[in-house]
């Protein structure tokens, strides 16, 4: 009887150890994905800020029309989105 209890306890401990390893590896993956998302958001926000500044500078310095400067801003934001995709995937 004692031997059967030891075997059952041993199996239970083995299953718990395996389950805990799986949970920890899942947590590490989630942390990595979270970091990638945050880096992507940061890249996107920086691109938006730079695009805003570039549009203001464009209108003040180059005497371009608002439409021409708007197109430059769109391109800058699109570059930021692409950078975000590069980080995430």
PDB file of N, CA and C in Angstrom:
ATOM      1  N   UNK A   1       0.810  -1.199   0.000  1.00  0.00           N
ATOM      2  CA  UNK A   1       0.000   0.000   0.000  1.00  0.00           C
ATOM      3  C   UNK A   1       0.850   1.259   0.000  1.00  0.00           C
ATOM      4  N   UNK A   2       1.913   1.255   0.802  1.00  0.00           N
ATOM      5  CA  UNK A   2       2.760   2.428   0.902  1.00  0.00           C
ATOM      6  C   UNK A   2       3.425   2.708  -0.438  1.00  0.00           C
ATOM      7  N   UNK A   3       3.785   1.690  -1.154  1.00  0.00           N
ATOM      8  CA  UNK A   3       4.439   1.852  -2.441  1.00  0.00           C
ATOM      9  C   UNK A   3       3.495   2.506  -3.439  1.00  0.00           C
ATOM     10  N   UNK A   4       2.223   2.128  -3.436  1.00  0.00           N
ATOM     11  CA  UNK A   4       1.248   2.721  -4.336  1.00  0.00           C
ATOM     12  C   UNK A   4       1.056   4.209  -4.030  1.00  0.00           C
ATOM     13  N   UNK A   5       1.062   4.572  -2.759  1.00  0.00           N
ATOM     14  CA  UNK A   5       0.922   5.979  -2.382  1.00  0.00           C
ATOM     15  C   UNK A   5       2.128   6.782  -2.849  1.00  0.00           C
ATOM     16  N   UNK A   6       3.332   6.200  -2.719  1.00  0.00           N
ATOM     17  CA  UNK A   6       4.537   6.888  -3.167  1.00  0.00           C
ATOM     18  C   UNK A   6       4.501   7.103  -4.677  1.00  0.00           C
ATOM     19  N   UNK A   7       4.026   6.118  -5.400  1.00  0.00           N
ATOM     20  CA  UNK A   7       3.939   6.229  -6.855  1.00  0.00           C
ATOM     21  C   UNK A   7       2.933   7.323  -7.234  1.00  0.00           C
ATOM     22  N   UNK A   8       1.799   7.329  -6.558  1.00  0.00           N
ATOM     23  CA  UNK A   8       0.769   8.338  -6.839  1.00  0.00           C
ATOM     24  C   UNK A   8       1.284   9.738  -6.523  1.00  0.00           C
ATOM     25  N   UNK A   9       1.979   9.892  -5.415  1.00  0.00           N
ATOM     26  CA  UNK A   9       2.543  11.191  -5.039  1.00  0.00           C
ATOM     27  C   UNK A   9       3.607  11.601  -6.052  1.00  0.00           C
ATOM     28  N   UNK A  10       4.431  10.656  -6.455  1.00  0.00           N
ATOM     29  CA  UNK A  10       5.478  10.939  -7.441  1.00  0.00           C
ATOM     30  C   UNK A  10       4.895  11.397  -8.768  1.00  0.00           C
ATOM     31  N   UNK A  11       3.841  10.726  -9.205  1.00  0.00           N
ATOM     32  CA  UNK A  11       3.178  11.129 -10.456  1.00  0.00           C
ATOM     33  C   UNK A  11       2.566  12.512 -10.335  1.00  0.00           C
ATOM     34  N   UNK A  12       1.922  12.749  -9.199  1.00  0.00           N
ATOM     35  CA  UNK A  12       1.291  14.048  -8.981  1.00  0.00           C
ATOM     36  C   UNK A  12       2.329  15.164  -9.002  1.00  0.00           C
ATOM     37  N   UNK A  13       3.441  14.939  -8.345  1.00  0.00           N
ATOM     38  CA  UNK A  13       4.508  15.940  -8.337  1.00  0.00           C
ATOM     39  C   UNK A  13       5.066  16.146  -9.747  1.00  0.00           C
ATOM     40  N   UNK A  14       5.206  15.077 -10.489  1.00  0.00           N
ATOM     41  CA  UNK A  14       5.700  15.179 -11.864  1.00  0.00           C
ATOM     42  C   UNK A  14       4.744  15.974 -12.737  1.00  0.00           C
ATOM     43  N   UNK A  15       3.451  15.727 -12.591  1.00  0.00           N
ATOM     44  CA  UNK A  15       2.454  16.467 -13.359  1.00  0.00           C
ATOM     45  C   UNK A  15       2.435  17.947 -12.969  1.00  0.00           C
ATOM     46  N   UNK A  16       2.557  18.213 -11.677  1.00  0.00           N
ATOM     47  CA  UNK A  16       2.599  19.606 -11.223  1.00  0.00           C
ATOM     48  C   UNK A  16       3.829  20.331 -11.758  1.00  0.00           C
ATOM     49  N   UNK A  17       4.953  19.646 -11.766  1.00  0.00           N
ATOM     50  CA  UNK A  17       6.181  20.263 -12.288  1.00  0.00           C
ATOM     51  C   UNK A  17       6.026  20.562 -13.781  1.00  0.00           C
ATOM     52  N   UNK A  18       5.473  19.623 -14.516  1.00  0.00           N
ATOM     53  CA  UNK A  18       5.264  19.823 -15.949  1.00  0.00           C
ATOM     54  C   UNK A  18       4.296  20.973 -16.198  1.00  0.00           C
ATOM     55  N   UNK A  19       3.226  21.009 -15.459  1.00  0.00           N
ATOM     56  CA  UNK A  19       2.238  22.075 -15.625  1.00  0.00           C
ATOM     57  C   UNK A  19       2.838  23.440 -15.299  1.00  0.00           C
ATOM     58  N   UNK A  20       3.646  23.498 -14.251  1.00  0.00           N
ATOM     59  CA  UNK A  20       4.240  24.789 -13.886  1.00  0.00           C
ATOM     60  C   UNK A  20       5.218  25.266 -14.950  1.00  0.00           C
ATOM     61  N   UNK A  21       5.957  24.345 -15.556  1.00  0.00           N
ATOM     62  CA  UNK A  21       6.872  24.725 -16.640  1.00  0.00           C
ATOM     63  C   UNK A  21       6.102  25.261 -17.845  1.00  0.00           C
ATOM     64  N   UNK A  22       4.990  24.641 -18.157  1.00  0.00           N
ATOM     65  CA  UNK A  22       4.174  25.115 -19.279  1.00  0.00           C
ATOM     66  C   UNK A  22       3.600  26.496 -19.005  1.00  0.00           C
ATOM     67  N   UNK A  23       3.158  26.710 -17.792  1.00  0.00           N
ATOM     68  CA  UNK A  23       2.605  28.017 -17.426  1.00  0.00           C
ATOM     69  C   UNK A  23       3.680  29.089 -17.498  1.00  0.00           C
ATOM     70  N   UNK A  24       4.870  28.782 -17.007  1.00  0.00           N
ATOM     71  CA  UNK A  24       5.957  29.767 -17.031  1.00  0.00           C
ATOM     72  C   UNK A  24       6.373  30.097 -18.455  1.00  0.00           C
ATOM     73  N   UNK A  25       6.413  29.109 -19.328  1.00  0.00           N
ATOM     74  CA  UNK A  25       6.804  29.386 -20.703  1.00  0.00           C
ATOM     75  C   UNK A  25       5.727  30.214 -21.397  1.00  0.00           C
ATOM     76  N   UNK A  26       4.472  29.978 -21.068  1.00  0.00           N
ATOM     77  CA  UNK A  26       3.386  30.795 -21.616  1.00  0.00           C
ATOM     78  C   UNK A  26       3.468  32.225 -21.121  1.00  0.00           C
ATOM     79  N   UNK A  27       3.838  32.411 -19.879  1.00  0.00           N
ATOM     80  CA  UNK A  27       3.981  33.760 -19.319  1.00  0.00           C
ATOM     81  C   UNK A  27       5.136  34.490 -19.985  1.00  0.00           C
ATOM     82  N   UNK A  28       6.216  33.785 -20.264  1.00  0.00           N
ATOM     83  CA  UNK A  28       7.358  34.410 -20.932  1.00  0.00           C
ATOM     84  C   UNK A  28       6.974  34.844 -22.345  1.00  0.00           C
ATOM     85  N   UNK A  29       6.214  34.024 -23.027  1.00  0.00           N
ATOM     86  CA  UNK A  29       5.759  34.369 -24.373  1.00  0.00           C
ATOM     87  C   UNK A  29       4.851  35.592 -24.334  1.00  0.00           C
ATOM     88  N   UNK A  30       3.953  35.629 -23.374  1.00  0.00           N
ATOM     89  CA  UNK A  30       3.049  36.773 -23.238  1.00  0.00           C
ATOM     90  C   UNK A  30       3.828  38.040 -22.930  1.00  0.00           C
ATOM     91  N   UNK A  31       4.846  37.937 -22.099  1.00  0.00           N
ATOM     92  CA  UNK A  31       5.663  39.096 -21.767  1.00  0.00           C
ATOM     93  C   UNK A  31       6.398  39.606 -23.000  1.00  0.00           C
ATOM     94  N   UNK A  32       6.923  38.695 -23.805  1.00  0.00           N
ATOM     95  CA  UNK A  32       7.624  39.070 -25.027  1.00  0.00           C
ATOM     96  C   UNK A  32       6.675  39.763 -26.004  1.00  0.00           C
ATOM     97  N   UNK A  33       5.490  39.219 -26.166  1.00  0.00           N
ATOM     98  CA  UNK A  33       4.501  39.839 -27.058  1.00  0.00           C
ATOM     99  C   UNK A  33       4.091  41.212 -26.541  1.00  0.00           C
ATOM    100  N   UNK A  34       3.943  41.325 -25.253  1.00  0.00           N
ATOM    101  CA  UNK A  34       3.574  42.607 -24.654  1.00  0.00           C
ATOM    102  C   UNK A  34       4.653  43.653 -24.929  1.00  0.00           C
ATOM    103  N   UNK A  35       5.905  43.245 -24.798  1.00  0.00           N
ATOM    104  CA  UNK A  35       7.014  44.169 -25.046  1.00  0.00           C
ATOM    105  C   UNK A  35       7.038  44.598 -26.517  1.00  0.00           C
ATOM    106  N   UNK A  36       6.771  43.661 -27.417  1.00  0.00           N
ATOM    107  CA  UNK A  36       6.734  43.991 -28.842  1.00  0.00           C
ATOM    108  C   UNK A  36       5.604  44.972 -29.140  1.00  0.00           C
ATOM    109  N   UNK A  37       4.443  44.744 -28.530  1.00  0.00           N
ATOM    110  CA  UNK A  37       3.320  45.671 -28.731  1.00  0.00           C
ATOM    111  C   UNK A  37       3.672  47.058 -28.228  1.00  0.00           C
ATOM    112  N   UNK A  38       4.288  47.128 -27.056  1.00  0.00           N
ATOM    113  CA  UNK A  38       4.651  48.420 -26.490  1.00  0.00           C
ATOM    114  C   UNK A  38       5.683  49.129 -27.364  1.00  0.00           C
ATOM    115  N   UNK A  39       6.670  48.385 -27.846  1.00  0.00           N
ATOM    116  CA  UNK A  39       7.664  48.983 -28.745  1.00  0.00           C
ATOM    117  C   UNK A  39       7.003  49.487 -30.025  1.00  0.00           C
ATOM    118  N   UNK A  40       6.034  48.722 -30.528  1.00  0.00           N
ATOM    119  CA  UNK A  40       5.305  49.148 -31.723  1.00  0.00           C
ATOM    120  C   UNK A  40       4.502  50.414 -31.475  1.00  0.00           C
ATOM    121  N   UNK A  41       3.851  50.485 -30.321  1.00  0.00           N
ATOM    122  CA  UNK A  41       3.090  51.699 -29.978  1.00  0.00           C
ATOM    123  C   UNK A  41       4.006  52.902 -29.869  1.00  0.00           C
ATOM    124  N   UNK A  42       5.148  52.692 -29.236  1.00  0.00           N
ATOM    125  CA  UNK A  42       6.103  53.794 -29.084  1.00  0.00           C
ATOM    126  C   UNK A  42       6.578  54.295 -30.442  1.00  0.00           C
ATOM    127  N   UNK A  43       6.873  53.370 -31.344  1.00  0.00           N
ATOM    128  CA  UNK A  43       7.323  53.756 -32.680  1.00  0.00           C
ATOM    129  C   UNK A  43       6.227  54.531 -33.400  1.00  0.00           C
ATOM    130  N   UNK A  44       5.001  54.073 -33.262  1.00  0.00           N
ATOM    131  CA  UNK A  44       3.872  54.737 -33.922  1.00  0.00           C
ATOM    132  C   UNK A  44       3.647  56.134 -33.342  1.00  0.00           C
ATOM    133  N   UNK A  45       3.705  56.264 -32.024  1.00  0.00           N
ATOM    134  CA  UNK A  45       3.508  57.568 -31.393  1.00  0.00           C
ATOM    135  C   UNK A  45       4.623  58.544 -31.777  1.00  0.00           C
ATOM    136  N   UNK A  46       5.849  58.041 -31.835  1.00  0.00           N
ATOM    137  CA  UNK A  46       6.962  58.902 -32.238  1.00  0.00           C
ATOM    138  C   UNK A  46       6.788  59.377 -33.675  1.00  0.00           C
ATOM    139  N   UNK A  47       6.309  58.488 -34.533  1.00  0.00           N
ATOM    140  CA  UNK A  47       6.089  58.863 -35.932  1.00  0.00           C
ATOM    141  C   UNK A  47       5.006  59.938 -36.032  1.00  0.00           C
ATOM    142  N   UNK A  48       3.970  59.817 -35.222  1.00  0.00           N
ATOM    143  CA  UNK A  48       2.905  60.830 -35.236  1.00  0.00           C
ATOM    144  C   UNK A  48       3.435  62.188 -34.798  1.00  0.00           C
ATOM    145  N   UNK A  49       4.246  62.185 -33.720  1.00  0.00           N
ATOM    146  CA  UNK A  49       4.826  63.440 -33.235  1.00  0.00           C
ATOM    147  C   UNK A  49       5.708  64.085 -34.293  1.00  0.00           C
ATOM    148  N   UNK A  50       6.555  63.267 -34.896  1.00  0.00           N
ATOM    149  CA  UNK A  50       7.455  63.779 -35.924  1.00  0.00           C
ATOM    150  C   UNK A  50       6.681  64.299 -37.124  1.00  0.00           C
ATOM    151  N   UNK A  51       5.608  63.606 -37.495  1.00  0.00           N
ATOM    152  CA  UNK A  51       4.798  64.043 -38.629  1.00  0.00           C
ATOM    153  C   UNK A  51       4.130  65.380 -38.327  1.00  0.00           C
ATOM    154  N   UNK A  52       3.631  65.537 -37.100  1.00  0.00           N
ATOM    155  CA  UNK A  52       3.023  66.808 -36.703  1.00  0.00           C
ATOM    156  C   UNK A  52       4.025  67.958 -36.801  1.00  0.00           C
ATOM    157  N   UNK A  53       5.207  67.721 -36.250  1.00  0.00           N
ATOM    158  CA  UNK A  53       6.253  68.749 -36.284  1.00  0.00           C
ATOM    159  C   UNK A  53       6.671  69.051 -37.713  1.00  0.00           C
ATOM    160  N   UNK A  54       6.792  68.007 -38.521  1.00  0.00           N
ATOM    161  CA  UNK A  54       7.207  68.197 -39.910  1.00  0.00           C
ATOM    162  C   UNK A  54       6.174  69.014 -40.675  1.00  0.00           C
ATOM    163  N   UNK A  55       4.898  68.791 -40.398  1.00  0.00           N
ATOM    164  CA  UNK A  55       3.854  69.544 -41.098  1.00  0.00           C
ATOM    165  C   UNK A  55       3.904  71.023 -40.710  1.00  0.00           C
ATOM    166  N   UNK A  56       4.094  71.291 -39.445  1.00  0.00           N
ATOM    167  CA  UNK A  56       4.175  72.685 -38.990  1.00  0.00           C
ATOM    168  C   UNK A  56       5.386  73.369 -39.614  1.00  0.00           C
ATOM    169  N   UNK A  57       6.523  72.670 -39.582  1.00  0.00           N
ATOM    170  CA  UNK A  57       7.736  73.224 -40.188  1.00  0.00           C
ATOM    171  C   UNK A  57       7.561  73.425 -41.681  1.00  0.00           C
ATOM    172  N   UNK A  58       6.908  72.498 -42.322  1.00  0.00           N
ATOM    173  CA  UNK A  58       6.684  72.569 -43.766  1.00  0.00           C
ATOM    174  C   UNK A  58       5.901  73.831 -44.123  1.00  0.00           C
ATOM    175  N   UNK A  59       4.841  74.083 -43.401  1.00  0.00           N
ATOM    176  CA  UNK A  59       4.019  75.260 -43.704  1.00  0.00           C
ATOM    177  C   UNK A  59       4.767  76.551 -43.408  1.00  0.00           C
ATOM    178  N   UNK A  60       5.549  76.568 -42.344  1.00  0.00           N
ATOM    179  CA  UNK A  60       6.236  77.802 -41.951  1.00  0.00           C
ATOM    180  C   UNK A  60       7.453  78.094 -42.832  1.00  0.00           C
ATOM    181  N   UNK A  61       8.239  77.080 -43.123  1.00  0.00           N
ATOM    182  CA  UNK A  61       9.505  77.304 -43.803  1.00  0.00           C
ATOM    183  C   UNK A  61       9.399  77.271 -45.329  1.00  0.00           C
ATOM    184  N   UNK A  62       8.599  76.381 -45.830  1.00  0.00           N
ATOM    185  CA  UNK A  62       8.587  76.158 -47.281  1.00  0.00           C
ATOM    186  C   UNK A  62       7.492  76.925 -48.006  1.00  0.00           C
ATOM    187  N   UNK A  63       6.627  77.535 -47.262  1.00  0.00           N
ATOM    188  CA  UNK A  63       5.484  78.237 -47.857  1.00  0.00           C
ATOM    189  C   UNK A  63       4.708  77.338 -48.820  1.00  0.00           C
ATOM    190  N   UNK A  64       4.639  76.054 -48.486  1.00  0.00           N
ATOM    191  CA  UNK A  64       3.836  75.127 -49.279  1.00  0.00           C
ATOM    192  C   UNK A  64       2.379  75.261 -48.864  1.00  0.00           C
ATOM    193  N   UNK A  65       1.515  74.730 -49.706  1.00  0.00           N
ATOM    194  CA  UNK A  65       0.101  74.731 -49.356  1.00  0.00           C
ATOM    195  C   UNK A  65      -0.141  73.700 -48.246  1.00  0.00           C
ATOM    196  N   UNK A  66      -1.250  73.871 -47.573  1.00  0.00           N
ATOM    197  CA  UNK A  66      -1.601  72.934 -46.511  1.00  0.00           C
ATOM    198  C   UNK A  66      -1.755  71.524 -47.070  1.00  0.00           C
ATOM    199  N   UNK A  67      -2.301  71.410 -48.296  1.00  0.00           N
ATOM    200  CA  UNK A  67      -2.508  70.095 -48.899  1.00  0.00           C
ATOM    201  C   UNK A  67      -1.172  69.391 -49.153  1.00  0.00           C
ATOM    202  N   UNK A  68      -0.186  70.132 -49.636  1.00  0.00           N
ATOM    203  CA  UNK A  68       1.116  69.528 -49.901  1.00  0.00           C
ATOM    204  C   UNK A  68       1.777  69.068 -48.597  1.00  0.00           C
ATOM    205  N   UNK A  69       1.666  69.874 -47.585  1.00  0.00           N
ATOM    206  CA  UNK A  69       2.235  69.503 -46.281  1.00  0.00           C
ATOM    207  C   UNK A  69       1.473  68.329 -45.667  1.00  0.00           C
ATOM    208  N   UNK A  70       0.180  68.271 -45.903  1.00  0.00           N
ATOM    209  CA  UNK A  70      -0.636  67.176 -45.383  1.00  0.00           C
ATOM    210  C   UNK A  70      -0.172  65.851 -45.982  1.00  0.00           C
ATOM    211  N   UNK A  71       0.151  65.867 -47.272  1.00  0.00           N
ATOM    212  CA  UNK A  71       0.626  64.650 -47.919  1.00  0.00           C
ATOM    213  C   UNK A  71       1.955  64.198 -47.310  1.00  0.00           C
ATOM    214  N   UNK A  72       2.827  65.140 -47.017  1.00  0.00           N
ATOM    215  CA  UNK A  72       4.096  64.796 -46.363  1.00  0.00           C
ATOM    216  C   UNK A  72       3.841  64.164 -44.999  1.00  0.00           C
ATOM    217  N   UNK A  73       2.859  64.704 -44.280  1.00  0.00           N
ATOM    218  CA  UNK A  73       2.527  64.179 -42.962  1.00  0.00           C
ATOM    219  C   UNK A  73       1.996  62.750 -43.080  1.00  0.00           C
ATOM    220  N   UNK A  74       1.150  62.510 -44.075  1.00  0.00           N
ATOM    221  CA  UNK A  74       0.612  61.154 -44.285  1.00  0.00           C
ATOM    222  C   UNK A  74       1.732  60.156 -44.549  1.00  0.00           C
ATOM    223  N   UNK A  75       2.676  60.562 -45.376  1.00  0.00           N
ATOM    224  CA  UNK A  75       3.786  59.660 -45.696  1.00  0.00           C
ATOM    225  C   UNK A  75       4.625  59.361 -44.459  1.00  0.00           C
ATOM    226  N   UNK A  76       4.838  60.362 -43.646  1.00  0.00           N
ATOM    227  CA  UNK A  76       5.621  60.161 -42.414  1.00  0.00           C
ATOM    228  C   UNK A  76       4.896  59.214 -41.463  1.00  0.00           C
ATOM    229  N   UNK A  77       3.588  59.373 -41.346  1.00  0.00           N
ATOM    230  CA  UNK A  77       2.818  58.484 -40.470  1.00  0.00           C
ATOM    231  C   UNK A  77       2.813  57.059 -41.014  1.00  0.00           C
ATOM    232  N   UNK A  78       2.731  56.924 -42.337  1.00  0.00           N
ATOM    233  CA  UNK A  78       2.739  55.597 -42.942  1.00  0.00           C
ATOM    234  C   UNK A  78       4.086  54.903 -42.690  1.00  0.00           C
ATOM    235  N   UNK A  79       5.163  55.669 -42.749  1.00  0.00           N
ATOM    236  CA  UNK A  79       6.476  55.100 -42.441  1.00  0.00           C
ATOM    237  C   UNK A  79       6.510  54.599 -41.000  1.00  0.00           C
ATOM    238  N   UNK A  80       5.885  55.330 -40.083  1.00  0.00           N
ATOM    239  CA  UNK A  80       5.816  54.901 -38.690  1.00  0.00           C
ATOM    240  C   UNK A  80       5.005  53.627 -38.522  1.00  0.00           C
ATOM    241  N   UNK A  81       3.926  53.511 -39.285  1.00  0.00           N
ATOM    242  CA  UNK A  81       3.117  52.283 -39.216  1.00  0.00           C
ATOM    243  C   UNK A  81       3.921  51.086 -39.710  1.00  0.00           C
ATOM    244  N   UNK A  82       4.690  51.310 -40.782  1.00  0.00           N
ATOM    245  CA  UNK A  82       5.514  50.222 -41.304  1.00  0.00           C
ATOM    246  C   UNK A  82       6.574  49.812 -40.294  1.00  0.00           C
ATOM    247  N   UNK A  83       7.160  50.781 -39.621  1.00  0.00           N
ATOM    248  CA  UNK A  83       8.146  50.473 -38.577  1.00  0.00           C
ATOM    249  C   UNK A  83       7.495  49.650 -37.466  1.00  0.00           C
ATOM    250  N   UNK A  84       6.264  49.995 -37.114  1.00  0.00           N
ATOM    251  CA  UNK A  84       5.531  49.242 -36.086  1.00  0.00           C
ATOM    252  C   UNK A  84       5.319  47.801 -36.536  1.00  0.00           C
ATOM    253  N   UNK A  85       4.946  47.617 -37.791  1.00  0.00           N
ATOM    254  CA  UNK A  85       4.755  46.249 -38.300  1.00  0.00           C
ATOM    255  C   UNK A  85       6.066  45.466 -38.270  1.00  0.00           C
ATOM    256  N   UNK A  86       7.154  46.130 -38.608  1.00  0.00           N
ATOM    257  CA  UNK A  86       8.455  45.466 -38.592  1.00  0.00           C
ATOM    258  C   UNK A  86       8.824  45.000 -37.188  1.00  0.00           C
ATOM    259  N   UNK A  87       8.468  45.799 -36.197  1.00  0.00           N
ATOM    260  CA  UNK A  87       8.762  45.438 -34.806  1.00  0.00           C
ATOM    261  C   UNK A  87       7.900  44.259 -34.363  1.00  0.00           C
ATOM    262  N   UNK A  88       6.613  44.317 -34.684  1.00  0.00           N
ATOM    263  CA  UNK A  88       5.686  43.293 -34.178  1.00  0.00           C
ATOM    264  C   UNK A  88       5.824  41.956 -34.879  1.00  0.00           C
ATOM    265  N   UNK A  89       6.082  41.978 -36.166  1.00  0.00           N
ATOM    266  CA  UNK A  89       6.056  40.701 -36.908  1.00  0.00           C
ATOM    267  C   UNK A  89       7.396  40.398 -37.413  1.00  0.00           C
TER     268      UNK A  89
END
